[in-house]
């Protein structure tokens, strides 16, 4: 699975705006913004932003396709 890329964030006062390829994805405010900034400083920025926006692969897509409930008849 390729690493996420194309994410950026901008701190605007107490708010943090996360963008993906230049388009705003989410705005974090207050305590959530502070937690996000602490996590970005401690880890890989792209992975952290992908996780916070929900825009990442979970690695189970192939397994879910083969599950009996999801098979096409």
N, C-alpha and C. Protein backbone atom coordinates (compact mmCIF):
# COMPACT_ATOMS: atom_id res chain seq x y z
N UNK A 1 0.85 -1.16 0.00
CA UNK A 1 0.00 0.00 0.00
C UNK A 1 0.90 1.24 0.00
N UNK A 2 0.70 2.14 -0.94
CA UNK A 2 1.54 3.35 -0.98
C UNK A 2 1.24 4.27 0.19
N UNK A 3 2.25 5.04 0.53
CA UNK A 3 2.09 6.00 1.63
C UNK A 3 1.18 7.15 1.17
N UNK A 4 0.39 7.70 2.08
CA UNK A 4 -0.47 8.83 1.70
C UNK A 4 0.37 10.05 1.36
N UNK A 5 -0.14 10.86 0.46
CA UNK A 5 0.55 12.10 0.10
C UNK A 5 -0.47 13.11 -0.40
N UNK A 6 -0.05 14.35 -0.50
CA UNK A 6 -0.94 15.40 -0.99
C UNK A 6 -1.65 16.16 0.11
N UNK A 7 -1.41 15.79 1.36
CA UNK A 7 -2.04 16.48 2.47
C UNK A 7 -1.19 17.66 2.92
N UNK A 8 -1.85 18.69 3.41
CA UNK A 8 -1.18 19.85 4.00
C UNK A 8 -2.07 20.40 5.09
N UNK A 9 -1.48 21.11 6.01
CA UNK A 9 -2.31 21.75 7.04
C UNK A 9 -1.80 23.17 7.25
N UNK A 10 -2.74 24.00 7.70
CA UNK A 10 -2.44 25.40 7.96
C UNK A 10 -3.07 25.77 9.29
N UNK A 11 -2.27 26.37 10.14
CA UNK A 11 -2.78 26.80 11.44
C UNK A 11 -3.26 28.24 11.31
N UNK A 12 -4.53 28.45 11.62
CA UNK A 12 -5.14 29.79 11.54
C UNK A 12 -5.64 30.15 12.93
N UNK A 13 -4.79 30.78 13.69
CA UNK A 13 -5.15 31.10 15.07
C UNK A 13 -5.24 29.83 15.88
N UNK A 14 -6.41 29.56 16.45
CA UNK A 14 -6.61 28.35 17.24
C UNK A 14 -7.14 27.19 16.39
N UNK A 15 -7.44 27.46 15.10
CA UNK A 15 -7.97 26.44 14.21
C UNK A 15 -6.87 25.85 13.34
N UNK A 16 -7.09 24.63 12.88
CA UNK A 16 -6.20 23.97 11.93
C UNK A 16 -7.05 23.49 10.76
N UNK A 17 -6.65 23.88 9.55
CA UNK A 17 -7.36 23.47 8.34
C UNK A 17 -6.49 22.46 7.61
N UNK A 18 -7.05 21.26 7.36
CA UNK A 18 -6.33 20.22 6.64
C UNK A 18 -6.86 20.20 5.21
N UNK A 19 -5.93 20.20 4.24
CA UNK A 19 -6.30 20.16 2.83
C UNK A 19 -5.69 18.92 2.19
N UNK A 20 -6.32 18.48 1.10
CA UNK A 20 -5.79 17.38 0.31
C UNK A 20 -5.78 17.84 -1.13
N UNK A 21 -4.59 17.92 -1.71
CA UNK A 21 -4.39 18.44 -3.06
C UNK A 21 -5.03 19.82 -3.22
N UNK A 22 -4.87 20.66 -2.21
CA UNK A 22 -5.34 22.04 -2.26
C UNK A 22 -6.79 22.26 -1.89
N UNK A 23 -7.54 21.21 -1.69
CA UNK A 23 -8.96 21.36 -1.33
C UNK A 23 -9.15 21.15 0.18
N UNK A 24 -9.88 22.01 0.83
CA UNK A 24 -10.11 21.83 2.27
C UNK A 24 -10.86 20.54 2.55
N UNK A 25 -10.37 19.78 3.53
CA UNK A 25 -11.00 18.52 3.88
C UNK A 25 -11.70 18.65 5.22
N UNK A 26 -11.03 19.22 6.20
CA UNK A 26 -11.62 19.36 7.52
C UNK A 26 -10.99 20.52 8.25
N UNK A 27 -11.72 21.03 9.23
CA UNK A 27 -11.22 22.08 10.12
C UNK A 27 -11.30 21.57 11.54
N UNK A 28 -10.20 21.65 12.25
CA UNK A 28 -10.15 21.21 13.65
C UNK A 28 -10.08 22.44 14.53
N UNK A 29 -10.81 22.40 15.62
CA UNK A 29 -10.84 23.54 16.54
C UNK A 29 -10.58 23.08 17.96
N UNK A 30 -10.07 23.99 18.77
CA UNK A 30 -9.92 23.76 20.20
C UNK A 30 -9.00 22.62 20.55
N UNK A 31 -9.49 21.74 21.44
CA UNK A 31 -8.68 20.63 21.96
C UNK A 31 -8.31 19.64 20.85
N UNK A 32 -9.21 19.43 19.89
CA UNK A 32 -8.89 18.52 18.78
C UNK A 32 -7.73 19.07 17.96
N UNK A 33 -7.69 20.37 17.73
CA UNK A 33 -6.60 20.98 16.98
C UNK A 33 -5.28 20.83 17.73
N UNK A 34 -5.31 21.01 19.03
CA UNK A 34 -4.10 20.85 19.84
C UNK A 34 -3.59 19.42 19.81
N UNK A 35 -4.50 18.45 19.93
CA UNK A 35 -4.10 17.03 19.86
C UNK A 35 -3.51 16.70 18.50
N UNK A 36 -4.13 17.23 17.44
CA UNK A 36 -3.64 16.99 16.09
C UNK A 36 -2.22 17.55 15.92
N UNK A 37 -2.00 18.77 16.36
CA UNK A 37 -0.67 19.38 16.21
C UNK A 37 0.39 18.60 16.99
N UNK A 38 0.05 18.13 18.18
CA UNK A 38 1.00 17.33 18.95
C UNK A 38 1.32 16.03 18.23
N UNK A 39 0.32 15.41 17.63
CA UNK A 39 0.54 14.15 16.92
C UNK A 39 1.34 14.36 15.64
N UNK A 40 1.12 15.47 14.95
CA UNK A 40 1.87 15.77 13.73
C UNK A 40 3.35 15.97 14.06
N UNK A 41 3.62 16.64 15.15
CA UNK A 41 5.01 16.88 15.54
C UNK A 41 5.73 15.60 15.92
N UNK A 42 4.98 14.61 16.42
CA UNK A 42 5.58 13.37 16.90
C UNK A 42 5.71 12.30 15.82
N UNK A 43 4.96 12.39 14.72
CA UNK A 43 4.97 11.30 13.74
C UNK A 43 5.05 11.80 12.30
N UNK A 44 4.76 10.89 11.38
CA UNK A 44 4.76 11.20 9.95
C UNK A 44 3.53 12.06 9.63
N UNK A 45 3.76 13.27 9.15
CA UNK A 45 2.67 14.22 8.92
C UNK A 45 1.61 13.67 7.97
N UNK A 46 2.02 13.08 6.86
CA UNK A 46 1.06 12.61 5.86
C UNK A 46 0.16 11.51 6.42
N UNK A 47 0.73 10.58 7.15
CA UNK A 47 -0.05 9.49 7.72
C UNK A 47 -1.02 10.03 8.77
N UNK A 48 -0.55 10.96 9.59
CA UNK A 48 -1.41 11.54 10.64
C UNK A 48 -2.58 12.28 10.01
N UNK A 49 -2.31 13.08 8.98
CA UNK A 49 -3.40 13.83 8.34
C UNK A 49 -4.38 12.90 7.64
N UNK A 50 -3.89 11.84 7.01
CA UNK A 50 -4.77 10.88 6.37
C UNK A 50 -5.68 10.22 7.40
N UNK A 51 -5.12 9.87 8.54
CA UNK A 51 -5.92 9.22 9.58
C UNK A 51 -6.95 10.18 10.16
N UNK A 52 -6.57 11.42 10.40
CA UNK A 52 -7.50 12.39 10.99
C UNK A 52 -8.63 12.74 10.04
N UNK A 53 -8.39 12.67 8.74
CA UNK A 53 -9.45 12.99 7.78
C UNK A 53 -10.25 11.77 7.38
N UNK A 54 -9.78 10.58 7.75
CA UNK A 54 -10.48 9.36 7.36
C UNK A 54 -10.18 8.94 5.94
N UNK A 55 -9.21 9.58 5.30
CA UNK A 55 -8.89 9.31 3.91
C UNK A 55 -7.66 8.41 3.84
N UNK A 56 -7.83 7.17 4.23
CA UNK A 56 -6.72 6.22 4.15
C UNK A 56 -7.28 4.81 4.01
N UNK A 57 -6.47 3.95 3.47
CA UNK A 57 -6.88 2.56 3.30
C UNK A 57 -6.63 1.82 4.60
N UNK A 58 -7.51 0.91 4.91
CA UNK A 58 -7.39 0.17 6.16
C UNK A 58 -6.71 -1.18 5.96
N UNK A 59 -6.49 -1.57 4.72
CA UNK A 59 -5.79 -2.81 4.44
C UNK A 59 -6.69 -4.03 4.39
N UNK A 60 -7.99 -3.87 4.62
CA UNK A 60 -8.87 -5.03 4.64
C UNK A 60 -9.81 -5.08 3.44
N UNK A 61 -9.61 -4.22 2.46
CA UNK A 61 -10.54 -4.15 1.34
C UNK A 61 -10.58 -5.46 0.56
N UNK A 62 -9.42 -6.05 0.32
CA UNK A 62 -9.37 -7.29 -0.44
C UNK A 62 -10.04 -8.43 0.34
N UNK A 63 -9.78 -8.50 1.64
CA UNK A 63 -10.37 -9.56 2.47
C UNK A 63 -11.88 -9.39 2.55
N UNK A 64 -12.37 -8.18 2.63
CA UNK A 64 -13.81 -7.94 2.74
C UNK A 64 -14.53 -8.36 1.46
N UNK A 65 -13.88 -8.20 0.33
CA UNK A 65 -14.50 -8.56 -0.94
C UNK A 65 -14.77 -10.07 -1.01
N UNK A 66 -13.90 -10.87 -0.39
CA UNK A 66 -14.04 -12.33 -0.44
C UNK A 66 -14.97 -12.89 0.64
N UNK A 67 -15.45 -12.06 1.54
CA UNK A 67 -16.31 -12.52 2.62
C UNK A 67 -17.62 -13.04 2.02
N UNK A 68 -18.17 -14.17 2.55
CA UNK A 68 -19.40 -14.75 1.99
C UNK A 68 -20.56 -13.76 1.88
N UNK A 69 -20.67 -12.86 2.82
CA UNK A 69 -21.77 -11.90 2.80
C UNK A 69 -21.64 -10.93 1.62
N UNK A 70 -20.42 -10.68 1.16
CA UNK A 70 -20.18 -9.70 0.10
C UNK A 70 -20.00 -10.32 -1.28
N UNK A 71 -20.06 -11.63 -1.36
CA UNK A 71 -19.87 -12.29 -2.67
C UNK A 71 -21.10 -12.07 -3.54
N UNK A 72 -20.84 -11.93 -4.82
CA UNK A 72 -21.93 -11.78 -5.78
C UNK A 72 -22.38 -13.17 -6.22
N UNK A 73 -23.65 -13.35 -6.33
CA UNK A 73 -24.18 -14.67 -6.70
C UNK A 73 -24.50 -14.77 -8.15
